[in-house]
Amino acid sequence: MKKSFLPVLVAATLFIPFALSGCGASDDGGGGPPQGSNHSGISYASGTSDRYFGHADYASNKLAGYTDQQIKDYLDANPNLLRQGNVPGGGGIYDQIDSSITNTARQPQQQPQQQPQ
């Protein structure tokens, strides 16, 4: 075995069991993996927590092309991804998304104006 490969092998041998055991991982209470059939590619790993959905995750998913309704449906199917103020009724991101959907639905549809002849 080449000598230059040996440090990599030793490091990998020591690191892999450590990583698999969960040691050294940040434990922010755990939201768990998405539940149900609504795991449609929406991501919740953009923010400070890779276990919970927050404002940075919302912005990232909007940039990826998801609508507020799709994101809300996803969060409804995966309530374990929300915590603290972001839960329904907490005034956070869930309520902001819900409000956006409600306000959009309430806006009157404008009819095209006809040009006078």
PDB file of N, CA and C in Angstrom:
ATOM      1  N   MET A   1       0.850  -1.169   0.000  1.00  0.00           N
ATOM      2  CA  MET A   1       0.000   0.000   0.000  1.00  0.00           C
ATOM      3  C   MET A   1       0.896   1.233   0.000  1.00  0.00           C
ATOM      4  N   LYS A   2       0.518   2.223  -0.785  1.00  0.00           N
ATOM      5  CA  LYS A   2       1.304   3.452  -0.843  1.00  0.00           C
ATOM      6  C   LYS A   2       1.234   4.186   0.479  1.00  0.00           C
ATOM      7  N   LYS A   3       2.318   4.820   0.864  1.00  0.00           N
ATOM      8  CA  LYS A   3       2.361   5.549   2.128  1.00  0.00           C
ATOM      9  C   LYS A   3       1.435   6.769   2.106  1.00  0.00           C
ATOM     10  N   SER A   4       1.254   7.400   0.957  1.00  0.00           N
ATOM     11  CA  SER A   4       0.403   8.592   0.897  1.00  0.00           C
ATOM     12  C   SER A   4      -1.072   8.240   1.065  1.00  0.00           C
ATOM     13  N   PHE A   5      -1.434   7.014   0.819  1.00  0.00           N
ATOM     14  CA  PHE A   5      -2.816   6.588   0.948  1.00  0.00           C
ATOM     15  C   PHE A   5      -3.143   6.211   2.390  1.00  0.00           C
ATOM     16  N   LEU A   6      -2.167   5.825   3.160  1.00  0.00           N
ATOM     17  CA  LEU A   6      -2.365   5.348   4.513  1.00  0.00           C
ATOM     18  C   LEU A   6      -3.052   6.383   5.421  1.00  0.00           C
ATOM     19  N   PRO A   7      -2.643   7.664   5.430  1.00  0.00           N
ATOM     20  CA  PRO A   7      -3.350   8.621   6.297  1.00  0.00           C
ATOM     21  C   PRO A   7      -4.829   8.776   5.932  1.00  0.00           C
ATOM     22  N   VAL A   8      -5.139   8.695   4.654  1.00  0.00           N
ATOM     23  CA  VAL A   8      -6.538   8.807   4.222  1.00  0.00           C
ATOM     24  C   VAL A   8      -7.326   7.605   4.724  1.00  0.00           C
ATOM     25  N   LEU A   9      -6.742   6.437   4.607  1.00  0.00           N
ATOM     26  CA  LEU A   9      -7.403   5.213   5.061  1.00  0.00           C
ATOM     27  C   LEU A   9      -7.625   5.255   6.567  1.00  0.00           C
ATOM     28  N   VAL A  10      -6.635   5.689   7.312  1.00  0.00           N
ATOM     29  CA  VAL A  10      -6.762   5.769   8.765  1.00  0.00           C
ATOM     30  C   VAL A  10      -7.832   6.789   9.143  1.00  0.00           C
ATOM     31  N   ALA A  11      -7.817   7.944   8.502  1.00  0.00           N
ATOM     32  CA  ALA A  11      -8.811   8.975   8.802  1.00  0.00           C
ATOM     33  C   ALA A  11     -10.217   8.480   8.492  1.00  0.00           C
ATOM     34  N   ALA A  12     -10.382   7.813   7.367  1.00  0.00           N
ATOM     35  CA  ALA A  12     -11.701   7.292   6.991  1.00  0.00           C
ATOM     36  C   ALA A  12     -12.155   6.212   7.961  1.00  0.00           C
ATOM     37  N   THR A  13     -11.238   5.372   8.387  1.00  0.00           N
ATOM     38  CA  THR A  13     -11.565   4.295   9.320  1.00  0.00           C
ATOM     39  C   THR A  13     -12.018   4.869  10.659  1.00  0.00           C
ATOM     40  N   LEU A  14     -11.413   5.963  11.086  1.00  0.00           N
ATOM     41  CA  LEU A  14     -11.787   6.575  12.352  1.00  0.00           C
ATOM     42  C   LEU A  14     -13.045   7.431  12.230  1.00  0.00           C
ATOM     43  N   PHE A  15     -13.210   8.110  11.109  1.00  0.00           N
ATOM     44  CA  PHE A  15     -14.311   9.051  10.964  1.00  0.00           C
ATOM     45  C   PHE A  15     -15.646   8.373  10.670  1.00  0.00           C
ATOM     46  N   ILE A  16     -15.667   7.373   9.832  1.00  0.00           N
ATOM     47  CA  ILE A  16     -16.936   6.761   9.400  1.00  0.00           C
ATOM     48  C   ILE A  16     -17.738   6.221  10.582  1.00  0.00           C
ATOM     49  N   PRO A  17     -17.155   5.413  11.481  1.00  0.00           N
ATOM     50  CA  PRO A  17     -17.974   4.961  12.621  1.00  0.00           C
ATOM     51  C   PRO A  17     -18.441   6.123  13.500  1.00  0.00           C
ATOM     52  N   PHE A  18     -17.611   7.147  13.641  1.00  0.00           N
ATOM     53  CA  PHE A  18     -17.958   8.322  14.436  1.00  0.00           C
ATOM     54  C   PHE A  18     -19.158   9.036  13.814  1.00  0.00           C
ATOM     55  N   ALA A  19     -19.122   9.222  12.519  1.00  0.00           N
ATOM     56  CA  ALA A  19     -20.206   9.911  11.821  1.00  0.00           C
ATOM     57  C   ALA A  19     -21.490   9.091  11.844  1.00  0.00           C
ATOM     58  N   LEU A  20     -21.374   7.790  11.660  1.00  0.00           N
ATOM     59  CA  LEU A  20     -22.557   6.936  11.643  1.00  0.00           C
ATOM     60  C   LEU A  20     -23.215   6.833  13.008  1.00  0.00           C
ATOM     61  N   SER A  21     -22.433   6.987  14.069  1.00  0.00           N
ATOM     62  CA  SER A  21     -22.996   6.885  15.410  1.00  0.00           C
ATOM     63  C   SER A  21     -23.770   8.135  15.802  1.00  0.00           C
ATOM     64  N   GLY A  22     -23.600   9.212  15.043  1.00  0.00           N
ATOM     65  CA  GLY A  22     -24.284  10.459  15.352  1.00  0.00           C
ATOM     66  C   GLY A  22     -23.487  11.342  16.273  1.00  0.00           C
ATOM     67  N   CYS A  23     -22.324  10.893  16.716  1.00  0.00           N
ATOM     68  CA  CYS A  23     -21.487  11.702  17.584  1.00  0.00           C
ATOM     69  C   CYS A  23     -21.003  12.916  16.814  1.00  0.00           C
ATOM     70  N   GLY A  24     -21.004  14.021  17.476  1.00  0.00           N
ATOM     71  CA  GLY A  24     -20.523  15.234  16.844  1.00  0.00           C
ATOM     72  C   GLY A  24     -21.594  15.937  16.024  1.00  0.00           C
ATOM     73  N   ALA A  25     -22.726  15.295  15.832  1.00  0.00           N
ATOM     74  CA  ALA A  25     -23.803  15.934  15.068  1.00  0.00           C
ATOM     75  C   ALA A  25     -24.532  16.911  15.966  1.00  0.00           C
ATOM     76  N   SER A  26     -24.974  18.003  15.389  1.00  0.00           N
ATOM     77  CA  SER A  26     -25.726  18.956  16.196  1.00  0.00           C
ATOM     78  C   SER A  26     -27.094  18.357  16.470  1.00  0.00           C
ATOM     79  N   ASP A  27     -27.512  18.429  17.709  1.00  0.00           N
ATOM     80  CA  ASP A  27     -28.812  17.896  18.075  1.00  0.00           C
ATOM     81  C   ASP A  27     -29.700  19.049  18.476  1.00  0.00           C
ATOM     82  N   ASP A  28     -30.555  19.461  17.548  1.00  0.00           N
ATOM     83  CA  ASP A  28     -31.436  20.587  17.841  1.00  0.00           C
ATOM     84  C   ASP A  28     -32.851  20.111  18.134  1.00  0.00           C
ATOM     85  N   GLY A  29     -32.972  18.906  18.658  1.00  0.00           N
ATOM     86  CA  GLY A  29     -34.271  18.409  19.055  1.00  0.00           C
ATOM     87  C   GLY A  29     -34.863  17.420  18.073  1.00  0.00           C
ATOM     88  N   GLY A  30     -34.428  17.457  16.846  1.00  0.00           N
ATOM     89  CA  GLY A  30     -34.856  16.486  15.852  1.00  0.00           C
ATOM     90  C   GLY A  30     -36.249  16.702  15.340  1.00  0.00           C
ATOM     91  N   GLY A  31     -36.383  16.898  14.083  1.00  0.00           N
ATOM     92  CA  GLY A  31     -37.690  17.018  13.470  1.00  0.00           C
ATOM     93  C   GLY A  31     -38.055  15.738  12.759  1.00  0.00           C
ATOM     94  N   GLY A  32     -37.054  14.926  12.493  1.00  0.00           N
ATOM     95  CA  GLY A  32     -37.283  13.672  11.809  1.00  0.00           C
ATOM     96  C   GLY A  32     -37.475  13.842  10.322  1.00  0.00           C
ATOM     97  N   PRO A  33     -37.447  12.757   9.617  1.00  0.00           N
ATOM     98  CA  PRO A  33     -37.617  12.820   8.159  1.00  0.00           C
ATOM     99  C   PRO A  33     -39.060  13.135   7.798  1.00  0.00           C
ATOM    100  N   PRO A  34     -39.286  13.633   6.588  1.00  0.00           N
ATOM    101  CA  PRO A  34     -40.647  13.921   6.152  1.00  0.00           C
ATOM    102  C   PRO A  34     -41.509  12.671   6.203  1.00  0.00           C
ATOM    103  N   GLN A  35     -42.766  12.869   6.512  1.00  0.00           N
ATOM    104  CA  GLN A  35     -43.717  11.772   6.619  1.00  0.00           C
ATOM    105  C   GLN A  35     -44.714  11.833   5.477  1.00  0.00           C
ATOM    106  N   GLY A  36     -45.355  10.722   5.206  1.00  0.00           N
ATOM    107  CA  GLY A  36     -46.436  10.692   4.233  1.00  0.00           C
ATOM    108  C   GLY A  36     -45.940  10.685   2.793  1.00  0.00           C
ATOM    109  N   SER A  37     -46.898  10.811   1.897  1.00  0.00           N
ATOM    110  CA  SER A  37     -46.593  10.708   0.467  1.00  0.00           C
ATOM    111  C   SER A  37     -46.281  12.060  -0.153  1.00  0.00           C
ATOM    112  N   ASN A  38     -46.184  13.107   0.676  1.00  0.00           N
ATOM    113  CA  ASN A  38     -46.026  14.450   0.143  1.00  0.00           C
ATOM    114  C   ASN A  38     -44.577  14.926   0.150  1.00  0.00           C
ATOM    115  N   HIS A  39     -43.624  14.022   0.107  1.00  0.00           N
ATOM    116  CA  HIS A  39     -42.227  14.445   0.051  1.00  0.00           C
ATOM    117  C   HIS A  39     -41.881  14.643  -1.417  1.00  0.00           C
ATOM    118  N   SER A  40     -42.207  15.825  -1.908  1.00  0.00           N
ATOM    119  CA  SER A  40     -42.179  16.104  -3.339  1.00  0.00           C
ATOM    120  C   SER A  40     -40.911  16.786  -3.824  1.00  0.00           C
ATOM    121  N   GLY A  41     -39.857  16.740  -3.051  1.00  0.00           N
ATOM    122  CA  GLY A  41     -38.632  17.404  -3.466  1.00  0.00           C
ATOM    123  C   GLY A  41     -38.422  18.728  -2.776  1.00  0.00           C
ATOM    124  N   ILE A  42     -39.388  19.166  -2.001  1.00  0.00           N
ATOM    125  CA  ILE A  42     -39.225  20.395  -1.234  1.00  0.00           C
ATOM    126  C   ILE A  42     -38.143  20.143  -0.191  1.00  0.00           C
ATOM    127  N   SER A  43     -37.243  21.108  -0.048  1.00  0.00           N
ATOM    128  CA  SER A  43     -36.100  20.944   0.842  1.00  0.00           C
ATOM    129  C   SER A  43     -36.288  21.714   2.141  1.00  0.00           C
ATOM    130  N   TYR A  44     -35.779  21.145   3.213  1.00  0.00           N
ATOM    131  CA  TYR A  44     -35.780  21.844   4.499  1.00  0.00           C
ATOM    132  C   TYR A  44     -34.367  21.918   5.080  1.00  0.00           C
ATOM    133  N   ALA A  45     -33.363  21.864   4.212  1.00  0.00           N
ATOM    134  CA  ALA A  45     -31.975  21.860   4.674  1.00  0.00           C
ATOM    135  C   ALA A  45     -31.220  23.136   4.313  1.00  0.00           C
ATOM    136  N   SER A  46     -31.914  24.198   3.986  1.00  0.00           N
ATOM    137  CA  SER A  46     -31.239  25.428   3.563  1.00  0.00           C
ATOM    138  C   SER A  46     -30.882  26.357   4.712  1.00  0.00           C
ATOM    139  N   GLY A  47     -31.570  26.239   5.819  1.00  0.00           N
ATOM    140  CA  GLY A  47     -31.376  27.180   6.921  1.00  0.00           C
ATOM    141  C   GLY A  47     -30.368  26.715   7.940  1.00  0.00           C
ATOM    142  N   THR A  48     -30.506  27.245   9.145  1.00  0.00           N
ATOM    143  CA  THR A  48     -29.569  26.921  10.215  1.00  0.00           C
ATOM    144  C   THR A  48     -29.781  25.523  10.761  1.00  0.00           C
ATOM    145  N   SER A  49     -30.933  24.943  10.530  1.00  0.00           N
ATOM    146  CA  SER A  49     -31.213  23.587  10.979  1.00  0.00           C
ATOM    147  C   SER A  49     -31.536  22.715   9.774  1.00  0.00           C
ATOM    148  N   ASP A  50     -30.956  21.534   9.758  1.00  0.00           N
ATOM    149  CA  ASP A  50     -31.284  20.606   8.679  1.00  0.00           C
ATOM    150  C   ASP A  50     -32.406  19.659   9.105  1.00  0.00           C
ATOM    151  N   ARG A  51     -33.066  19.982  10.208  1.00  0.00           N
ATOM    152  CA  ARG A  51     -34.152  19.146  10.706  1.00  0.00           C
ATOM    153  C   ARG A  51     -35.497  19.862  10.744  1.00  0.00           C
ATOM    154  N   TYR A  52     -35.461  21.168  10.588  1.00  0.00           N
ATOM    155  CA  TYR A  52     -36.684  21.944  10.671  1.00  0.00           C
ATOM    156  C   TYR A  52     -36.788  22.902   9.493  1.00  0.00           C
ATOM    157  N   PHE A  53     -38.015  23.235   9.151  1.00  0.00           N
ATOM    158  CA  PHE A  53     -38.298  24.144   8.051  1.00  0.00           C
ATOM    159  C   PHE A  53     -38.405  25.556   8.603  1.00  0.00           C
ATOM    160  N   GLY A  54     -37.722  26.499   7.936  1.00  0.00           N
ATOM    161  CA  GLY A  54     -37.762  27.887   8.380  1.00  0.00           C
ATOM    162  C   GLY A  54     -37.751  28.854   7.207  1.00  0.00           C
ATOM    163  N   HIS A  55     -37.478  30.111   7.507  1.00  0.00           N
ATOM    164  CA  HIS A  55     -37.530  31.174   6.502  1.00  0.00           C
ATOM    165  C   HIS A  55     -36.551  30.965   5.343  1.00  0.00           C
ATOM    166  N   ALA A  56     -35.328  30.527   5.644  1.00  0.00           N
ATOM    167  CA  ALA A  56     -34.344  30.292   4.576  1.00  0.00           C
ATOM    168  C   ALA A  56     -34.797  29.151   3.671  1.00  0.00           C
ATOM    169  N   ASP A  57     -35.421  28.136   4.257  1.00  0.00           N
ATOM    170  CA  ASP A  57     -35.933  27.012   3.470  1.00  0.00           C
ATOM    171  C   ASP A  57     -37.069  27.474   2.559  1.00  0.00           C
ATOM    172  N   TYR A  58     -37.924  28.344   3.095  1.00  0.00           N
ATOM    173  CA  TYR A  58     -39.017  28.894   2.293  1.00  0.00           C
ATOM    174  C   TYR A  58     -38.463  29.646   1.089  1.00  0.00           C
ATOM    175  N   ALA A  59     -37.499  30.529   1.332  1.00  0.00           N
ATOM    176  CA  ALA A  59     -36.920  31.321   0.243  1.00  0.00           C
ATOM    177  C   ALA A  59     -36.271  30.423  -0.801  1.00  0.00           C
ATOM    178  N   SER A  60     -35.558  29.403  -0.355  1.00  0.00           N
ATOM    179  CA  SER A  60     -34.890  28.480  -1.272  1.00  0.00           C
ATOM    180  C   SER A  60     -35.900  27.718  -2.129  1.00  0.00           C
ATOM    181  N   ASN A  61     -36.982  27.276  -1.512  1.00  0.00           N
ATOM    182  CA  ASN A  61     -38.002  26.537  -2.262  1.00  0.00           C
ATOM    183  C   ASN A  61     -38.769  27.428  -3.225  1.00  0.00           C
ATOM    184  N   LYS A  62     -38.983  28.683  -2.852  1.00  0.00           N
ATOM    185  CA  LYS A  62     -39.626  29.618  -3.780  1.00  0.00           C
ATOM    186  C   LYS A  62     -38.730  29.841  -4.999  1.00  0.00           C
ATOM    187  N   LEU A  63     -37.424  29.996  -4.767  1.00  0.00           N
ATOM    188  CA  LEU A  63     -36.487  30.150  -5.883  1.00  0.00           C
ATOM    189  C   LEU A  63     -36.453  28.908  -6.771  1.00  0.00           C
ATOM    190  N   ALA A  64     -36.711  27.759  -6.164  1.00  0.00           N
ATOM    191  CA  ALA A  64     -36.729  26.505  -6.924  1.00  0.00           C
ATOM    192  C   ALA A  64     -38.020  26.336  -7.719  1.00  0.00           C
ATOM    193  N   GLY A  65     -38.984  27.245  -7.513  1.00  0.00           N
ATOM    194  CA  GLY A  65     -40.200  27.215  -8.318  1.00  0.00           C
ATOM    195  C   GLY A  65     -41.439  26.683  -7.634  1.00  0.00           C
ATOM    196  N   TYR A  66     -41.362  26.365  -6.349  1.00  0.00           N
ATOM    197  CA  TYR A  66     -42.543  25.864  -5.648  1.00  0.00           C
ATOM    198  C   TYR A  66     -43.475  27.016  -5.289  1.00  0.00           C
ATOM    199  N   THR A  67     -44.770  26.753  -5.333  1.00  0.00           N
ATOM    200  CA  THR A  67     -45.760  27.762  -4.967  1.00  0.00           C
ATOM    201  C   THR A  67     -45.992  27.721  -3.458  1.00  0.00           C
ATOM    202  N   ASP A  68     -46.610  28.785  -2.946  1.00  0.00           N
ATOM    203  CA  ASP A  68     -46.948  28.802  -1.524  1.00  0.00           C
ATOM    204  C   ASP A  68     -47.877  27.638  -1.177  1.00  0.00           C
ATOM    205  N   GLN A  69     -48.812  27.338  -2.065  1.00  0.00           N
ATOM    206  CA  GLN A  69     -49.743  26.237  -1.790  1.00  0.00           C
ATOM    207  C   GLN A  69     -49.009  24.902  -1.720  1.00  0.00           C
ATOM    208  N   GLN A  70     -48.057  24.671  -2.614  1.00  0.00           N
ATOM    209  CA  GLN A  70     -47.289  23.423  -2.581  1.00  0.00           C
ATOM    210  C   GLN A  70     -46.478  23.315  -1.283  1.00  0.00           C
ATOM    211  N   ILE A  71     -45.870  24.423  -0.881  1.00  0.00           N
ATOM    212  CA  ILE A  71     -45.078  24.417   0.350  1.00  0.00           C
ATOM    213  C   ILE A  71     -45.979  24.194   1.561  1.00  0.00           C
ATOM    214  N   LYS A  72     -47.119  24.854   1.605  1.00  0.00           N
ATOM    215  CA  LYS A  72     -48.050  24.670   2.725  1.00  0.00           C
ATOM    216  C   LYS A  72     -48.555  23.231   2.775  1.00  0.00           C
ATOM    217  N   ASP A  73     -48.907  22.662   1.629  1.00  0.00           N
ATOM    218  CA  ASP A  73     -49.355  21.266   1.590  1.00  0.00           C
ATOM    219  C   ASP A  73     -48.271  20.340   2.134  1.00  0.00           C
ATOM    220  N   TYR A  74     -47.044  20.614   1.769  1.00  0.00           N
ATOM    221  CA  TYR A  74     -45.911  19.824   2.253  1.00  0.00           C
ATOM    222  C   TYR A  74     -45.785  19.945   3.772  1.00  0.00           C
ATOM    223  N   LEU A  75     -45.892  21.167   4.287  1.00  0.00           N
ATOM    224  CA  LEU A  75     -45.778  21.373   5.731  1.00  0.00           C
ATOM    225  C   LEU A  75     -46.969  20.764   6.466  1.00  0.00           C
ATOM    226  N   ASP A  76     -48.155  20.800   5.866  1.00  0.00           N
ATOM    227  CA  ASP A  76     -49.319  20.165   6.477  1.00  0.00           C
ATOM    228  C   ASP A  76     -49.111  18.657   6.601  1.00  0.00           C
ATOM    229  N   ALA A  77     -48.450  18.065   5.608  1.00  0.00           N
ATOM    230  CA  ALA A  77     -48.185  16.627   5.625  1.00  0.00           C
ATOM    231  C   ALA A  77     -47.001  16.273   6.507  1.00  0.00           C
ATOM    232  N   ASN A  78     -46.185  17.276   6.864  1.00  0.00           N
ATOM    233  CA  ASN A  78     -44.971  17.040   7.661  1.00  0.00           C
ATOM    234  C   ASN A  78     -44.876  18.053   8.802  1.00  0.00           C
ATOM    235  N   PRO A  79     -45.839  18.075   9.715  1.00  0.00           N
ATOM    236  CA  PRO A  79     -45.834  19.082  10.782  1.00  0.00           C
ATOM    237  C   PRO A  79     -44.637  18.959  11.726  1.00  0.00           C
ATOM    238  N   ASN A  80     -43.993  17.813  11.728  1.00  0.00           N
ATOM    239  CA  ASN A  80     -42.820  17.613  12.574  1.00  0.00           C
ATOM    240  C   ASN A  80     -41.627  18.456  12.121  1.00  0.00           C
ATOM    241  N   LEU A  81     -41.717  19.077  10.949  1.00  0.00           N
ATOM    242  CA  LEU A  81     -40.632  19.926  10.454  1.00  0.00           C
ATOM    243  C   LEU A  81     -40.749  21.362  10.957  1.00  0.00           C
ATOM    244  N   LEU A  82     -41.799  21.650  11.705  1.00  0.00           N
ATOM    245  CA  LEU A  82     -42.012  23.009  12.221  1.00  0.00           C
ATOM    246  C   LEU A  82     -41.806  23.006  13.730  1.00  0.00           C
ATOM    247  N   ARG A  83     -41.273  24.122  14.235  1.00  0.00           N
ATOM    248  CA  ARG A  83     -41.074  24.241  15.682  1.00  0.00           C
ATOM    249  C   ARG A  83     -41.199  25.703  16.096  1.00  0.00           C
ATOM    250  N   GLN A  84     -41.309  25.888  17.395  1.00  0.00           N
ATOM    251  CA  GLN A  84     -41.371  27.200  18.025  1.00  0.00           C
ATOM    252  C   GLN A  84     -42.393  28.089  17.317  1.00  0.00           C
ATOM    253  N   GLY A  85     -42.024  29.283  16.934  1.00  0.00           N
ATOM    254  CA  GLY A  85     -42.958  30.221  16.327  1.00  0.00           C
ATOM    255  C   GLY A  85     -43.381  29.865  14.920  1.00  0.00           C
ATOM    256  N   ASN A  86     -42.739  28.882  14.309  1.00  0.00           N
ATOM    257  CA  ASN A  86     -43.078  28.525  12.934  1.00  0.00           C
ATOM    258  C   ASN A  86     -44.224  27.530  12.827  1.00  0.00           C
ATOM    259  N   VAL A  87     -44.738  27.050  13.948  1.00  0.00           N
ATOM    260  CA  VAL A  87     -45.870  26.130  13.909  1.00  0.00           C
ATOM    261  C   VAL A  87     -47.136  26.907  13.552  1.00  0.00           C
ATOM    262  N   PRO A  88     -48.171  26.222  13.057  1.00  0.00           N
ATOM    263  CA  PRO A  88     -49.421  26.924  12.763  1.00  0.00           C
ATOM    264  C   PRO A  88     -49.932  27.675  13.991  1.00  0.00           C
ATOM    265  N   GLY A  89     -50.249  28.939  13.809  1.00  0.00           N
ATOM    266  CA  GLY A  89     -50.728  29.773  14.899  1.00  0.00           C
ATOM    267  C   GLY A  89     -49.627  30.464  15.689  1.00  0.00           C
ATOM    268  N   GLY A  90     -48.369  30.169  15.340  1.00  0.00           N
ATOM    269  CA  GLY A  90     -47.245  30.751  16.070  1.00  0.00           C
ATOM    270  C   GLY A  90     -46.779  32.086  15.536  1.00  0.00           C
ATOM    271  N   GLY A  91     -47.332  32.522  14.405  1.00  0.00           N
ATOM    272  CA  GLY A  91     -46.964  33.805  13.821  1.00  0.00           C
ATOM    273  C   GLY A  91     -45.730  33.769  12.942  1.00  0.00           C
ATOM    274  N   GLY A  92     -45.169  32.605  12.733  1.00  0.00           N
ATOM    275  CA  GLY A  92     -43.938  32.474  11.946  1.00  0.00           C
ATOM    276  C   GLY A  92     -44.191  32.137  10.489  1.00  0.00           C
ATOM    277  N   ILE A  93     -43.276  31.383   9.915  1.00  0.00           N
ATOM    278  CA  ILE A  93     -43.282  31.130   8.470  1.00  0.00           C
ATOM    279  C   ILE A  93     -44.553  30.415   8.008  1.00  0.00           C
ATOM    280  N   TYR A  94     -45.065  29.469   8.782  1.00  0.00           N
ATOM    281  CA  TYR A  94     -46.286  28.774   8.362  1.00  0.00           C
ATOM    282  C   TYR A  94     -47.434  29.758   8.218  1.00  0.00           C
ATOM    283  N   ASP A  95     -47.603  30.602   9.214  1.00  0.00           N
ATOM    284  CA  ASP A  95     -48.701  31.577   9.173  1.00  0.00           C
ATOM    285  C   ASP A  95     -48.496  32.593   8.045  1.00  0.00           C
ATOM    286  N   GLN A  96     -47.261  32.950   7.767  1.00  0.00           N
ATOM    287  CA  GLN A  96     -46.980  33.881   6.676  1.00  0.00           C
ATOM    288  C   GLN A  96     -47.343  33.266   5.326  1.00  0.00           C
ATOM    289  N   ILE A  97     -47.021  31.983   5.157  1.00  0.00           N
ATOM    290  CA  ILE A  97     -47.370  31.290   3.907  1.00  0.00           C
ATOM    291  C   ILE A  97     -48.891  31.192   3.782  1.00  0.00           C
ATOM    292  N   ASP A  98     -49.545  30.813   4.873  1.00  0.00           N
ATOM    293  CA  ASP A  98     -51.001  30.679   4.869  1.00  0.00           C
ATOM    294  C   ASP A  98     -51.664  32.017   4.559  1.00  0.00           C
ATOM    295  N   SER A  99     -51.151  33.086   5.142  1.00  0.00           N
ATOM    296  CA  SER A  99     -51.693  34.423   4.901  1.00  0.00           C
ATOM    297  C   SER A  99     -51.511  34.828   3.438  1.00  0.00           C
ATOM    298  N   SER A 100     -50.366  34.497   2.878  1.00  0.00           N
ATOM    299  CA  SER A 100     -50.100  34.818   1.473  1.00  0.00           C
ATOM    300  C   SER A 100     -51.090  34.104   0.554  1.00  0.00           C
ATOM    301  N   ILE A 101     -51.370  32.862   0.861  1.00  0.00           N
ATOM    302  CA  ILE A 101     -52.325  32.085   0.054  1.00  0.00           C
ATOM    303  C   ILE A 101     -53.723  32.696   0.185  1.00  0.00           C
ATOM    304  N   THR A 102     -54.109  33.026   1.410  1.00  0.00           N
ATOM    305  CA  THR A 102     -55.428  33.607   1.669  1.00  0.00           C
ATOM    306  C   THR A 102     -55.575  34.955   0.970  1.00  0.00           C
ATOM    307  N   ASN A 103     -54.547  35.804   1.071  1.00  0.00           N
ATOM    308  CA  ASN A 103     -54.609  37.127   0.434  1.00  0.00           C
ATOM    309  C   ASN A 103     -54.666  37.017  -1.082  1.00  0.00           C
ATOM    310  N   THR A 104     -53.943  36.084  -1.650  1.00  0.00           N
ATOM    311  CA  THR A 104     -53.961  35.882  -3.101  1.00  0.00           C
ATOM    312  C   THR A 104     -55.340  35.429  -3.556  1.00  0.00           C
ATOM    313  N   ALA A 105     -55.969  34.560  -2.775  1.00  0.00           N
ATOM    314  CA  ALA A 105     -57.296  34.054  -3.137  1.00  0.00           C
ATOM    315  C   ALA A 105     -58.352  35.139  -3.044  1.00  0.00           C
ATOM    316  N   ARG A 106     -58.143  36.121  -2.152  1.00  0.00           N
ATOM    317  CA  ARG A 106     -59.128  37.184  -1.960  1.00  0.00           C
ATOM    318  C   ARG A 106     -59.023  38.300  -2.986  1.00  0.00           C
ATOM    319  N   GLN A 107     -57.911  38.407  -3.670  1.00  0.00           N
ATOM    320  CA  GLN A 107     -57.725  39.496  -4.626  1.00  0.00           C
ATOM    321  C   GLN A 107     -58.678  39.324  -5.803  1.00  0.00           C
ATOM    322  N   PRO A 108     -59.374  40.393  -6.160  1.00  0.00           N
ATOM    323  CA  PRO A 108     -60.288  40.283  -7.297  1.00  0.00           C
ATOM    324  C   PRO A 108     -59.498  40.091  -8.591  1.00  0.00           C
ATOM    325  N   GLN A 109     -60.060  39.307  -9.441  1.00  0.00           N
ATOM    326  CA  GLN A 109     -59.432  39.080 -10.740  1.00  0.00           C
ATOM    327  C   GLN A 109     -59.772  40.252 -11.641  1.00  0.00           C
ATOM    328  N   GLN A 110     -58.771  40.864 -12.202  1.00  0.00           N
ATOM    329  CA  GLN A 110     -59.005  42.008 -13.085  1.00  0.00           C
ATOM    330  C   GLN A 110     -59.408  41.518 -14.466  1.00  0.00           C
ATOM    331  N   GLN A 111     -60.446  42.155 -14.981  1.00  0.00           N
ATOM    332  CA  GLN A 111     -60.902  41.844 -16.329  1.00  0.00           C
ATOM    333  C   GLN A 111     -60.134  42.743 -17.287  1.00  0.00           C
ATOM    334  N   PRO A 112     -59.754  42.238 -18.425  1.00  0.00           N
ATOM    335  CA  PRO A 112     -59.064  43.092 -19.407  1.00  0.00           C
ATOM    336  C   PRO A 112     -59.997  44.226 -19.848  1.00  0.00           C
ATOM    337  N   GLN A 113     -59.455  45.415 -19.895  1.00  0.00           N
ATOM    338  CA  GLN A 113     -60.262  46.557 -20.311  1.00  0.00           C
ATOM    339  C   GLN A 113     -60.362  46.597 -21.825  1.00  0.00           C
ATOM    340  N   GLN A 114     -61.569  46.887 -22.278  1.00  0.00           N
ATOM    341  CA  GLN A 114     -61.775  46.991 -23.720  1.00  0.00           C
ATOM    342  C   GLN A 114     -61.445  48.411 -24.157  1.00  0.00           C
ATOM    343  N   GLN A 115     -60.822  48.501 -25.276  1.00  0.00           N
ATOM    344  CA  GLN A 115     -60.475  49.809 -25.834  1.00  0.00           C
ATOM    345  C   GLN A 115     -61.705  50.424 -26.503  1.00  0.00           C
ATOM    346  N   PRO A 116     -61.977  51.720 -26.227  1.00  0.00           N
ATOM    347  CA  PRO A 116     -63.127  52.363 -26.895  1.00  0.00           C
ATOM    348  C   PRO A 116     -62.858  52.480 -28.394  1.00  0.00           C
ATOM    349  N   GLN A 117     -63.892  52.296 -29.151  1.00  0.00           N
ATOM    350  CA  GLN A 117     -63.723  52.352 -30.618  1.00  0.00           C
ATOM    351  C   GLN A 117     -64.188  53.631 -31.202  1.00  0.00           C
TER     352      GLN A 117
END
